Amino acid sequence: MTEKRMLILDAATVRKIDENRGDMSVSEFINILIDSHLDEPAASQQSDLVTKEEFHHFEEGIRDLLRSFLEFFLSYGLELGKQPTDGELDKLSLKLQGLTKSSKTRKL
């Protein structure tokens, strides 16, 4: 069992911690901050963490991939001569438009 101590911080600092710590506890977040600034080997152990920008690029890539799959399967079905029902075509078209719109709104 580790010994626990109290750390007194001003309200603005606590607010910044709470806004940026995500799912981590306050203690975990402060430990990561300290390790990343004081101890280089500890910072390199945290290299498996992803930044918001990296995650955003990953999310855009997944959306582009899904859009490409939908376009491929839609065109592939039409090339084979299989006529999709109006409902199927409308569903796929709406999904494709939804992916395109959500991708464009995030870029703005």
PDB file of N, CA and C in Angstrom:
ATOM      1  N   MET A   1       0.845  -1.175   0.000  1.00  0.00           N
ATOM      2  CA  MET A   1       0.000   0.000   0.000  1.00  0.00           C
ATOM      3  C   MET A   1       0.892   1.241   0.000  1.00  0.00           C
ATOM      4  N   THR A   2       0.556   2.195  -0.855  1.00  0.00           N
ATOM      5  CA  THR A   2       1.354   3.411  -0.939  1.00  0.00           C
ATOM      6  C   THR A   2       0.816   4.458   0.021  1.00  0.00           C
ATOM      7  N   GLU A   3       1.721   5.250   0.492  1.00  0.00           N
ATOM      8  CA  GLU A   3       1.342   6.330   1.393  1.00  0.00           C
ATOM      9  C   GLU A   3       0.718   7.456   0.580  1.00  0.00           C
ATOM     10  N   LYS A   4      -0.379   8.012   1.071  1.00  0.00           N
ATOM     11  CA  LYS A   4      -1.067   9.081   0.355  1.00  0.00           C
ATOM     12  C   LYS A   4      -0.876  10.388   1.094  1.00  0.00           C
ATOM     13  N   ARG A   5      -0.734  11.453   0.307  1.00  0.00           N
ATOM     14  CA  ARG A   5      -0.574  12.796   0.857  1.00  0.00           C
ATOM     15  C   ARG A   5      -1.545  13.726   0.152  1.00  0.00           C
ATOM     16  N   MET A   6      -1.768  14.868   0.737  1.00  0.00           N
ATOM     17  CA  MET A   6      -2.656  15.859   0.152  1.00  0.00           C
ATOM     18  C   MET A   6      -1.816  16.950  -0.507  1.00  0.00           C
ATOM     19  N   LEU A   7      -2.255  17.385  -1.664  1.00  0.00           N
ATOM     20  CA  LEU A   7      -1.587  18.462  -2.389  1.00  0.00           C
ATOM     21  C   LEU A   7      -2.600  19.584  -2.568  1.00  0.00           C
ATOM     22  N   ILE A   8      -2.267  20.757  -2.117  1.00  0.00           N
ATOM     23  CA  ILE A   8      -3.188  21.888  -2.204  1.00  0.00           C
ATOM     24  C   ILE A   8      -2.830  22.696  -3.440  1.00  0.00           C
ATOM     25  N   LEU A   9      -3.832  22.887  -4.313  1.00  0.00           N
ATOM     26  CA  LEU A   9      -3.651  23.613  -5.574  1.00  0.00           C
ATOM     27  C   LEU A   9      -4.707  24.708  -5.673  1.00  0.00           C
ATOM     28  N   ASP A  10      -4.384  25.736  -6.446  1.00  0.00           N
ATOM     29  CA  ASP A  10      -5.392  26.774  -6.650  1.00  0.00           C
ATOM     30  C   ASP A  10      -6.486  26.247  -7.587  1.00  0.00           C
ATOM     31  N   ALA A  11      -7.640  26.871  -7.553  1.00  0.00           N
ATOM     32  CA  ALA A  11      -8.821  26.404  -8.289  1.00  0.00           C
ATOM     33  C   ALA A  11      -8.591  26.367  -9.793  1.00  0.00           C
ATOM     34  N   ALA A  12      -7.862  27.324 -10.336  1.00  0.00           N
ATOM     35  CA  ALA A  12      -7.603  27.364 -11.781  1.00  0.00           C
ATOM     36  C   ALA A  12      -6.788  26.154 -12.221  1.00  0.00           C
ATOM     37  N   THR A  13      -5.813  25.762 -11.418  1.00  0.00           N
ATOM     38  CA  THR A  13      -4.992  24.592 -11.746  1.00  0.00           C
ATOM     39  C   THR A  13      -5.827  23.321 -11.697  1.00  0.00           C
ATOM     40  N   VAL A  14      -6.663  23.199 -10.693  1.00  0.00           N
ATOM     41  CA  VAL A  14      -7.535  22.023 -10.573  1.00  0.00           C
ATOM     42  C   VAL A  14      -8.484  21.951 -11.765  1.00  0.00           C
ATOM     43  N   ARG A  15      -8.991  23.097 -12.197  1.00  0.00           N
ATOM     44  CA  ARG A  15      -9.899  23.142 -13.349  1.00  0.00           C
ATOM     45  C   ARG A  15      -9.173  22.680 -14.613  1.00  0.00           C
ATOM     46  N   LYS A  16      -7.914  23.137 -14.806  1.00  0.00           N
ATOM     47  CA  LYS A  16      -7.131  22.704 -15.970  1.00  0.00           C
ATOM     48  C   LYS A  16      -6.884  21.197 -15.937  1.00  0.00           C
ATOM     49  N   ILE A  17      -6.596  20.679 -14.771  1.00  0.00           N
ATOM     50  CA  ILE A  17      -6.376  19.233 -14.624  1.00  0.00           C
ATOM     51  C   ILE A  17      -7.641  18.484 -14.998  1.00  0.00           C
ATOM     52  N   ASP A  18      -8.772  18.903 -14.463  1.00  0.00           N
ATOM     53  CA  ASP A  18     -10.033  18.220 -14.742  1.00  0.00           C
ATOM     54  C   ASP A  18     -10.431  18.288 -16.212  1.00  0.00           C
ATOM     55  N   GLU A  19     -10.124  19.414 -16.870  1.00  0.00           N
ATOM     56  CA  GLU A  19     -10.476  19.570 -18.284  1.00  0.00           C
ATOM     57  C   GLU A  19      -9.633  18.690 -19.198  1.00  0.00           C
ATOM     58  N   ASN A  20      -8.433  18.334 -18.765  1.00  0.00           N
ATOM     59  CA  ASN A  20      -7.500  17.645 -19.646  1.00  0.00           C
ATOM     60  C   ASN A  20      -7.189  16.202 -19.274  1.00  0.00           C
ATOM     61  N   ARG A  21      -7.637  15.714 -18.144  1.00  0.00           N
ATOM     62  CA  ARG A  21      -7.224  14.393 -17.699  1.00  0.00           C
ATOM     63  C   ARG A  21      -8.015  13.238 -18.310  1.00  0.00           C
ATOM     64  N   GLY A  22      -9.145  13.528 -18.948  1.00  0.00           N
ATOM     65  CA  GLY A  22      -9.930  12.468 -19.580  1.00  0.00           C
ATOM     66  C   GLY A  22     -10.430  11.464 -18.564  1.00  0.00           C
ATOM     67  N   ASP A  23     -10.167  10.165 -18.824  1.00  0.00           N
ATOM     68  CA  ASP A  23     -10.637   9.091 -17.940  1.00  0.00           C
ATOM     69  C   ASP A  23      -9.659   8.784 -16.811  1.00  0.00           C
ATOM     70  N   MET A  24      -8.507   9.428 -16.813  1.00  0.00           N
ATOM     71  CA  MET A  24      -7.504   9.174 -15.781  1.00  0.00           C
ATOM     72  C   MET A  24      -7.920   9.830 -14.470  1.00  0.00           C
ATOM     73  N   SER A  25      -7.430   9.254 -13.385  1.00  0.00           N
ATOM     74  CA  SER A  25      -7.643   9.909 -12.093  1.00  0.00           C
ATOM     75  C   SER A  25      -6.716  11.114 -12.015  1.00  0.00           C
ATOM     76  N   VAL A  26      -6.999  11.994 -11.088  1.00  0.00           N
ATOM     77  CA  VAL A  26      -6.165  13.189 -10.914  1.00  0.00           C
ATOM     78  C   VAL A  26      -4.734  12.771 -10.599  1.00  0.00           C
ATOM     79  N   SER A  27      -4.585  11.788  -9.742  1.00  0.00           N
ATOM     80  CA  SER A  27      -3.261  11.313  -9.354  1.00  0.00           C
ATOM     81  C   SER A  27      -2.489  10.750 -10.551  1.00  0.00           C
ATOM     82  N   GLU A  28      -3.150   9.933 -11.370  1.00  0.00           N
ATOM     83  CA  GLU A  28      -2.489   9.377 -12.564  1.00  0.00           C
ATOM     84  C   GLU A  28      -2.063  10.487 -13.518  1.00  0.00           C
ATOM     85  N   PHE A  29      -2.939  11.452 -13.717  1.00  0.00           N
ATOM     86  CA  PHE A  29      -2.645  12.553 -14.630  1.00  0.00           C
ATOM     87  C   PHE A  29      -1.443  13.364 -14.158  1.00  0.00           C
ATOM     88  N   ILE A  30      -1.407  13.693 -12.881  1.00  0.00           N
ATOM     89  CA  ILE A  30      -0.280  14.459 -12.338  1.00  0.00           C
ATOM     90  C   ILE A  30       1.003  13.640 -12.430  1.00  0.00           C
ATOM     91  N   ASN A  31       0.927  12.335 -12.166  1.00  0.00           N
ATOM     92  CA  ASN A  31       2.115  11.478 -12.285  1.00  0.00           C
ATOM     93  C   ASN A  31       2.658  11.478 -13.705  1.00  0.00           C
ATOM     94  N   ILE A  32       1.779  11.392 -14.693  1.00  0.00           N
ATOM     95  CA  ILE A  32       2.219  11.404 -16.094  1.00  0.00           C
ATOM     96  C   ILE A  32       2.863  12.745 -16.435  1.00  0.00           C
ATOM     97  N   LEU A  33       2.263  13.833 -15.975  1.00  0.00           N
ATOM     98  CA  LEU A  33       2.850  15.152 -16.233  1.00  0.00           C
ATOM     99  C   LEU A  33       4.241  15.270 -15.614  1.00  0.00           C
ATOM    100  N   ILE A  34       4.367  14.827 -14.389  1.00  0.00           N
ATOM    101  CA  ILE A  34       5.665  14.903 -13.714  1.00  0.00           C
ATOM    102  C   ILE A  34       6.682  14.020 -14.419  1.00  0.00           C
ATOM    103  N   ASP A  35       6.287  12.794 -14.741  1.00  0.00           N
ATOM    104  CA  ASP A  35       7.204  11.874 -15.420  1.00  0.00           C
ATOM    105  C   ASP A  35       7.644  12.418 -16.771  1.00  0.00           C
ATOM    106  N   SER A  36       6.726  13.028 -17.499  1.00  0.00           N
ATOM    107  CA  SER A  36       7.073  13.513 -18.830  1.00  0.00           C
ATOM    108  C   SER A  36       7.988  14.730 -18.788  1.00  0.00           C
ATOM    109  N   HIS A  37       7.980  15.460 -17.708  1.00  0.00           N
ATOM    110  CA  HIS A  37       8.817  16.657 -17.622  1.00  0.00           C
ATOM    111  C   HIS A  37      10.126  16.431 -16.867  1.00  0.00           C
ATOM    112  N   LEU A  38      10.160  15.491 -15.967  1.00  0.00           N
ATOM    113  CA  LEU A  38      11.347  15.308 -15.142  1.00  0.00           C
ATOM    114  C   LEU A  38      12.162  14.071 -15.490  1.00  0.00           C
ATOM    115  N   ASP A  39      11.506  13.049 -15.984  1.00  0.00           N
ATOM    116  CA  ASP A  39      12.174  11.767 -16.168  1.00  0.00           C
ATOM    117  C   ASP A  39      12.013  11.309 -17.612  1.00  0.00           C
ATOM    118  N   GLU A  40      13.029  11.446 -18.432  1.00  0.00           N
ATOM    119  CA  GLU A  40      12.959  11.071 -19.848  1.00  0.00           C
ATOM    120  C   GLU A  40      12.608   9.601 -20.064  1.00  0.00           C
ATOM    121  N   PRO A  41      13.218   8.633 -19.353  1.00  0.00           N
ATOM    122  CA  PRO A  41      12.832   7.228 -19.586  1.00  0.00           C
ATOM    123  C   PRO A  41      11.349   6.973 -19.308  1.00  0.00           C
ATOM    124  N   ALA A  42      10.804   7.621 -18.298  1.00  0.00           N
ATOM    125  CA  ALA A  42       9.382   7.439 -18.005  1.00  0.00           C
ATOM    126  C   ALA A  42       8.531   8.014 -19.121  1.00  0.00           C
ATOM    127  N   ALA A  43       8.975   9.117 -19.704  1.00  0.00           N
ATOM    128  CA  ALA A  43       8.226   9.724 -20.806  1.00  0.00           C
ATOM    129  C   ALA A  43       8.222   8.807 -22.019  1.00  0.00           C
ATOM    130  N   SER A  44       9.319   8.128 -22.266  1.00  0.00           N
ATOM    131  CA  SER A  44       9.369   7.220 -23.412  1.00  0.00           C
ATOM    132  C   SER A  44       8.459   6.016 -23.199  1.00  0.00           C
ATOM    133  N   GLN A  45       8.199   5.645 -21.950  1.00  0.00           N
ATOM    134  CA  GLN A  45       7.272   4.543 -21.676  1.00  0.00           C
ATOM    135  C   GLN A  45       5.841   4.937 -22.020  1.00  0.00           C
ATOM    136  N   GLN A  46       5.557   6.221 -22.037  1.00  0.00           N
ATOM    137  CA  GLN A  46       4.213   6.706 -22.349  1.00  0.00           C
ATOM    138  C   GLN A  46       4.025   6.936 -23.841  1.00  0.00           C
ATOM    139  N   SER A  47       4.972   6.490 -24.657  1.00  0.00           N
ATOM    140  CA  SER A  47       4.904   6.750 -26.094  1.00  0.00           C
ATOM    141  C   SER A  47       3.734   6.050 -26.772  1.00  0.00           C
ATOM    142  N   ASP A  48       3.081   5.137 -26.081  1.00  0.00           N
ATOM    143  CA  ASP A  48       1.937   4.463 -26.678  1.00  0.00           C
ATOM    144  C   ASP A  48       0.655   5.288 -26.572  1.00  0.00           C
ATOM    145  N   LEU A  49       0.731   6.466 -25.973  1.00  0.00           N
ATOM    146  CA  LEU A  49      -0.431   7.343 -25.887  1.00  0.00           C
ATOM    147  C   LEU A  49      -0.606   8.075 -27.209  1.00  0.00           C
ATOM    148  N   VAL A  50      -1.849   8.407 -27.525  1.00  0.00           N
ATOM    149  CA  VAL A  50      -2.181   9.058 -28.790  1.00  0.00           C
ATOM    150  C   VAL A  50      -2.637  10.478 -28.509  1.00  0.00           C
ATOM    151  N   THR A  51      -2.180  11.413 -29.331  1.00  0.00           N
ATOM    152  CA  THR A  51      -2.625  12.798 -29.172  1.00  0.00           C
ATOM    153  C   THR A  51      -3.999  12.966 -29.819  1.00  0.00           C
ATOM    154  N   LYS A  52      -4.660  14.057 -29.484  1.00  0.00           N
ATOM    155  CA  LYS A  52      -5.973  14.332 -30.074  1.00  0.00           C
ATOM    156  C   LYS A  52      -5.865  14.481 -31.584  1.00  0.00           C
ATOM    157  N   GLU A  53      -4.794  15.126 -32.036  1.00  0.00           N
ATOM    158  CA  GLU A  53      -4.604  15.329 -33.472  1.00  0.00           C
ATOM    159  C   GLU A  53      -4.396  13.990 -34.191  1.00  0.00           C
ATOM    160  N   GLU A  54      -3.591  13.108 -33.605  1.00  0.00           N
ATOM    161  CA  GLU A  54      -3.375  11.786 -34.201  1.00  0.00           C
ATOM    162  C   GLU A  54      -4.682  11.001 -34.268  1.00  0.00           C
ATOM    163  N   PHE A  55      -5.466  11.078 -33.196  1.00  0.00           N
ATOM    164  CA  PHE A  55      -6.743  10.370 -33.180  1.00  0.00           C
ATOM    165  C   PHE A  55      -7.692  10.953 -34.223  1.00  0.00           C
ATOM    166  N   HIS A  56      -7.682  12.266 -34.391  1.00  0.00           N
ATOM    167  CA  HIS A  56      -8.542  12.914 -35.382  1.00  0.00           C
ATOM    168  C   HIS A  56      -8.170  12.440 -36.790  1.00  0.00           C
ATOM    169  N   HIS A  57      -6.858  12.362 -37.088  1.00  0.00           N
ATOM    170  CA  HIS A  57      -6.420  11.876 -38.402  1.00  0.00           C
ATOM    171  C   HIS A  57      -6.821  10.414 -38.608  1.00  0.00           C
ATOM    172  N   PHE A  58      -6.707   9.616 -37.552  1.00  0.00           N
ATOM    173  CA  PHE A  58      -7.125   8.216 -37.627  1.00  0.00           C
ATOM    174  C   PHE A  58      -8.622   8.124 -37.915  1.00  0.00           C
ATOM    175  N   GLU A  59      -9.406   8.930 -37.219  1.00  0.00           N
ATOM    176  CA  GLU A  59     -10.858   8.935 -37.406  1.00  0.00           C
ATOM    177  C   GLU A  59     -11.229   9.327 -38.839  1.00  0.00           C
ATOM    178  N   GLU A  60     -10.554  10.346 -39.375  1.00  0.00           N
ATOM    179  CA  GLU A  60     -10.811  10.756 -40.762  1.00  0.00           C
ATOM    180  C   GLU A  60     -10.455   9.636 -41.730  1.00  0.00           C
ATOM    181  N   GLY A  61      -9.344   8.948 -41.470  1.00  0.00           N
ATOM    182  CA  GLY A  61      -8.936   7.830 -42.320  1.00  0.00           C
ATOM    183  C   GLY A  61      -9.961   6.713 -42.317  1.00  0.00           C
ATOM    184  N   ILE A  62     -10.503   6.400 -41.146  1.00  0.00           N
ATOM    185  CA  ILE A  62     -11.530   5.354 -41.042  1.00  0.00           C
ATOM    186  C   ILE A  62     -12.784   5.772 -41.799  1.00  0.00           C
ATOM    187  N   ARG A  63     -13.182   7.037 -41.675  1.00  0.00           N
ATOM    188  CA  ARG A  63     -14.358   7.523 -42.404  1.00  0.00           C
ATOM    189  C   ARG A  63     -14.135   7.430 -43.917  1.00  0.00           C
ATOM    190  N   ASP A  64     -12.933   7.807 -44.367  1.00  0.00           N
ATOM    191  CA  ASP A  64     -12.618   7.701 -45.802  1.00  0.00           C
ATOM    192  C   ASP A  64     -12.664   6.250 -46.251  1.00  0.00           C
ATOM    193  N   LEU A  65     -12.138   5.349 -45.435  1.00  0.00           N
ATOM    194  CA  LEU A  65     -12.154   3.923 -45.767  1.00  0.00           C
ATOM    195  C   LEU A  65     -13.591   3.399 -45.850  1.00  0.00           C
ATOM    196  N   LEU A  66     -14.428   3.755 -44.895  1.00  0.00           N
ATOM    197  CA  LEU A  66     -15.833   3.330 -44.921  1.00  0.00           C
ATOM    198  C   LEU A  66     -16.556   3.885 -46.146  1.00  0.00           C
ATOM    199  N   ARG A  67     -16.280   5.148 -46.464  1.00  0.00           N
ATOM    200  CA  ARG A  67     -16.898   5.757 -47.633  1.00  0.00           C
ATOM    201  C   ARG A  67     -16.470   5.013 -48.900  1.00  0.00           C
ATOM    202  N   SER A  68     -15.188   4.656 -48.984  1.00  0.00           N
ATOM    203  CA  SER A  68     -14.682   3.921 -50.150  1.00  0.00           C
ATOM    204  C   SER A  68     -15.340   2.549 -50.256  1.00  0.00           C
ATOM    205  N   PHE A  69     -15.492   1.862 -49.123  1.00  0.00           N
ATOM    206  CA  PHE A  69     -16.164   0.565 -49.135  1.00  0.00           C
ATOM    207  C   PHE A  69     -17.597   0.688 -49.625  1.00  0.00           C
ATOM    208  N   LEU A  70     -18.320   1.675 -49.111  1.00  0.00           N
ATOM    209  CA  LEU A  70     -19.709   1.852 -49.539  1.00  0.00           C
ATOM    210  C   LEU A  70     -19.786   2.147 -51.031  1.00  0.00           C
ATOM    211  N   GLU A  71     -18.903   3.039 -51.514  1.00  0.00           N
ATOM    212  CA  GLU A  71     -18.900   3.352 -52.945  1.00  0.00           C
ATOM    213  C   GLU A  71     -18.561   2.118 -53.772  1.00  0.00           C
ATOM    214  N   PHE A  72     -17.586   1.329 -53.309  1.00  0.00           N
ATOM    215  CA  PHE A  72     -17.188   0.123 -54.035  1.00  0.00           C
ATOM    216  C   PHE A  72     -18.335  -0.870 -54.114  1.00  0.00           C
ATOM    217  N   PHE A  73     -18.939  -1.194 -52.974  1.00  0.00           N
ATOM    218  CA  PHE A  73     -20.002  -2.189 -52.979  1.00  0.00           C
ATOM    219  C   PHE A  73     -21.221  -1.716 -53.746  1.00  0.00           C
ATOM    220  N   LEU A  74     -21.491  -0.423 -53.702  1.00  0.00           N
ATOM    221  CA  LEU A  74     -22.610   0.108 -54.462  1.00  0.00           C
ATOM    222  C   LEU A  74     -22.342  -0.021 -55.960  1.00  0.00           C
ATOM    223  N   SER A  75     -21.147   0.395 -56.389  1.00  0.00           N
ATOM    224  CA  SER A  75     -20.836   0.302 -57.820  1.00  0.00           C
ATOM    225  C   SER A  75     -20.648  -1.151 -58.255  1.00  0.00           C
ATOM    226  N   TYR A  76     -20.093  -1.998 -57.420  1.00  0.00           N
ATOM    227  CA  TYR A  76     -19.885  -3.406 -57.752  1.00  0.00           C
ATOM    228  C   TYR A  76     -21.222  -4.104 -57.960  1.00  0.00           C
ATOM    229  N   GLY A  77     -22.179  -3.806 -57.074  1.00  0.00           N
ATOM    230  CA  GLY A  77     -23.511  -4.407 -57.217  1.00  0.00           C
ATOM    231  C   GLY A  77     -24.188  -3.962 -58.496  1.00  0.00           C
ATOM    232  N   LEU A  78     -24.010  -2.716 -58.873  1.00  0.00           N
ATOM    233  CA  LEU A  78     -24.623  -2.206 -60.093  1.00  0.00           C
ATOM    234  C   LEU A  78     -23.950  -2.792 -61.330  1.00  0.00           C
ATOM    235  N   GLU A  79     -22.618  -3.001 -61.297  1.00  0.00           N
ATOM    236  CA  GLU A  79     -21.890  -3.553 -62.438  1.00  0.00           C
ATOM    237  C   GLU A  79     -22.254  -5.005 -62.696  1.00  0.00           C
ATOM    238  N   LEU A  80     -22.573  -5.746 -61.644  1.00  0.00           N
ATOM    239  CA  LEU A  80     -22.933  -7.145 -61.808  1.00  0.00           C
ATOM    240  C   LEU A  80     -24.335  -7.314 -62.382  1.00  0.00           C
ATOM    241  N   GLY A  81     -25.034  -6.233 -62.525  1.00  0.00           N
ATOM    242  CA  GLY A  81     -26.376  -6.302 -63.075  1.00  0.00           C
ATOM    243  C   GLY A  81     -27.436  -6.520 -62.024  1.00  0.00           C
ATOM    244  N   LYS A  82     -26.999  -6.659 -60.778  1.00  0.00           N
ATOM    245  CA  LYS A  82     -27.970  -6.832 -59.698  1.00  0.00           C
ATOM    246  C   LYS A  82     -28.583  -5.471 -59.415  1.00  0.00           C
ATOM    247  N   GLN A  83     -29.850  -5.383 -59.585  1.00  0.00           N
ATOM    248  CA  GLN A  83     -30.542  -4.125 -59.332  1.00  0.00           C
ATOM    249  C   GLN A  83     -30.988  -4.083 -57.875  1.00  0.00           C
ATOM    250  N   PRO A  84     -30.380  -3.199 -57.090  1.00  0.00           N
ATOM    251  CA  PRO A  84     -30.791  -3.104 -55.690  1.00  0.00           C
ATOM    252  C   PRO A  84     -32.186  -2.501 -55.595  1.00  0.00           C
ATOM    253  N   THR A  85     -32.851  -2.862 -54.542  1.00  0.00           N
ATOM    254  CA  THR A  85     -34.169  -2.268 -54.335  1.00  0.00           C
ATOM    255  C   THR A  85     -33.976  -0.800 -53.984  1.00  0.00           C
ATOM    256  N   ASP A  86     -35.016  -0.021 -54.200  1.00  0.00           N
ATOM    257  CA  ASP A  86     -34.927   1.412 -53.918  1.00  0.00           C
ATOM    258  C   ASP A  86     -34.548   1.663 -52.458  1.00  0.00           C
ATOM    259  N   GLY A  87     -35.060   0.819 -51.565  1.00  0.00           N
ATOM    260  CA  GLY A  87     -34.755   0.988 -50.139  1.00  0.00           C
ATOM    261  C   GLY A  87     -33.287   0.772 -49.844  1.00  0.00           C
ATOM    262  N   GLU A  88     -32.697  -0.269 -50.441  1.00  0.00           N
ATOM    263  CA  GLU A  88     -31.276  -0.549 -50.227  1.00  0.00           C
ATOM    264  C   GLU A  88     -30.418   0.583 -50.767  1.00  0.00           C
ATOM    265  N   LEU A  89     -30.746   1.039 -51.963  1.00  0.00           N
ATOM    266  CA  LEU A  89     -29.987   2.112 -52.588  1.00  0.00           C
ATOM    267  C   LEU A  89     -30.089   3.401 -51.773  1.00  0.00           C
ATOM    268  N   ASP A  90     -31.279   3.687 -51.295  1.00  0.00           N
ATOM    269  CA  ASP A  90     -31.476   4.889 -50.480  1.00  0.00           C
ATOM    270  C   ASP A  90     -30.696   4.805 -49.170  1.00  0.00           C
ATOM    271  N   LYS A  91     -30.707   3.626 -48.523  1.00  0.00           N
ATOM    272  CA  LYS A  91     -29.969   3.451 -47.272  1.00  0.00           C
ATOM    273  C   LYS A  91     -28.474   3.680 -47.478  1.00  0.00           C
ATOM    274  N   LEU A  92     -27.918   3.039 -48.509  1.00  0.00           N
ATOM    275  CA  LEU A  92     -26.496   3.193 -48.787  1.00  0.00           C
ATOM    276  C   LEU A  92     -26.161   4.634 -49.147  1.00  0.00           C
ATOM    277  N   SER A  93     -27.021   5.264 -49.924  1.00  0.00           N
ATOM    278  CA  SER A  93     -26.795   6.656 -50.312  1.00  0.00           C
ATOM    279  C   SER A  93     -26.807   7.575 -49.093  1.00  0.00           C
ATOM    280  N   LEU A  94     -27.737   7.346 -48.167  1.00  0.00           N
ATOM    281  CA  LEU A  94     -27.796   8.150 -46.950  1.00  0.00           C
ATOM    282  C   LEU A  94     -26.562   7.940 -46.083  1.00  0.00           C
ATOM    283  N   LYS A  95     -26.107   6.682 -45.970  1.00  0.00           N
ATOM    284  CA  LYS A  95     -24.899   6.403 -45.192  1.00  0.00           C
ATOM    285  C   LYS A  95     -23.704   7.103 -45.812  1.00  0.00           C
ATOM    286  N   LEU A  96     -23.609   7.046 -47.120  1.00  0.00           N
ATOM    287  CA  LEU A  96     -22.500   7.676 -47.825  1.00  0.00           C
ATOM    288  C   LEU A  96     -22.529   9.193 -47.629  1.00  0.00           C
ATOM    289  N   GLN A  97     -23.705   9.787 -47.733  1.00  0.00           N
ATOM    290  CA  GLN A  97     -23.838  11.229 -47.528  1.00  0.00           C
ATOM    291  C   GLN A  97     -23.512  11.604 -46.080  1.00  0.00           C
ATOM    292  N   GLY A  98     -23.944  10.759 -45.148  1.00  0.00           N
ATOM    293  CA  GLY A  98     -23.656  11.013 -43.732  1.00  0.00           C
ATOM    294  C   GLY A  98     -22.170  10.995 -43.448  1.00  0.00           C
ATOM    295  N   LEU A  99     -21.455  10.059 -44.022  1.00  0.00           N
ATOM    296  CA  LEU A  99     -20.005  10.003 -43.836  1.00  0.00           C
ATOM    297  C   LEU A  99     -19.328  11.207 -44.464  1.00  0.00           C
ATOM    298  N   THR A 100     -19.799  11.618 -45.622  1.00  0.00           N
ATOM    299  CA  THR A 100     -19.204  12.762 -46.302  1.00  0.00           C
ATOM    300  C   THR A 100     -19.454  14.032 -45.516  1.00  0.00           C
ATOM    301  N   LYS A 101     -20.683  14.241 -45.047  1.00  0.00           N
ATOM    302  CA  LYS A 101     -21.017  15.448 -44.298  1.00  0.00           C
ATOM    303  C   LYS A 101     -20.263  15.525 -42.978  1.00  0.00           C
ATOM    304  N   SER A 102     -20.194  14.400 -42.238  1.00  0.00           N
ATOM    305  CA  SER A 102     -19.522  14.439 -40.944  1.00  0.00           C
ATOM    306  C   SER A 102     -18.036  14.665 -41.120  1.00  0.00           C
ATOM    307  N   SER A 103     -17.467  14.171 -42.201  1.00  0.00           N
ATOM    308  CA  SER A 103     -16.049  14.385 -42.473  1.00  0.00           C
ATOM    309  C   SER A 103     -15.785  15.844 -42.827  1.00  0.00           C
ATOM    310  N   LYS A 104     -16.660  16.449 -43.609  1.00  0.00           N
ATOM    311  CA  LYS A 104     -16.485  17.848 -44.006  1.00  0.00           C
ATOM    312  C   LYS A 104     -16.690  18.788 -42.842  1.00  0.00           C
ATOM    313  N   THR A 105     -17.658  18.496 -41.972  1.00  0.00           N
ATOM    314  CA  THR A 105     -17.909  19.392 -40.846  1.00  0.00           C
ATOM    315  C   THR A 105     -16.755  19.354 -39.858  1.00  0.00           C
ATOM    316  N   ARG A 106     -16.077  18.240 -39.721  1.00  0.00           N
ATOM    317  CA  ARG A 106     -14.938  18.157 -38.815  1.00  0.00           C
ATOM    318  C   ARG A 106     -13.746  18.916 -39.353  1.00  0.00           C
ATOM    319  N   LYS A 107     -13.634  19.012 -40.688  1.00  0.00           N
ATOM    320  CA  LYS A 107     -12.496  19.710 -41.277  1.00  0.00           C
ATOM    321  C   LYS A 107     -12.627  21.210 -41.108  1.00  0.00           C
ATOM    322  N   LEU A 108     -13.858  21.706 -40.967  1.00  0.00           N
ATOM    323  CA  LEU A 108     -14.088  23.155 -40.814  1.00  0.00           C
ATOM    324  C   LEU A 108     -13.720  23.614 -39.480  1.00  0.00           C
TER     325      LEU A 108
END
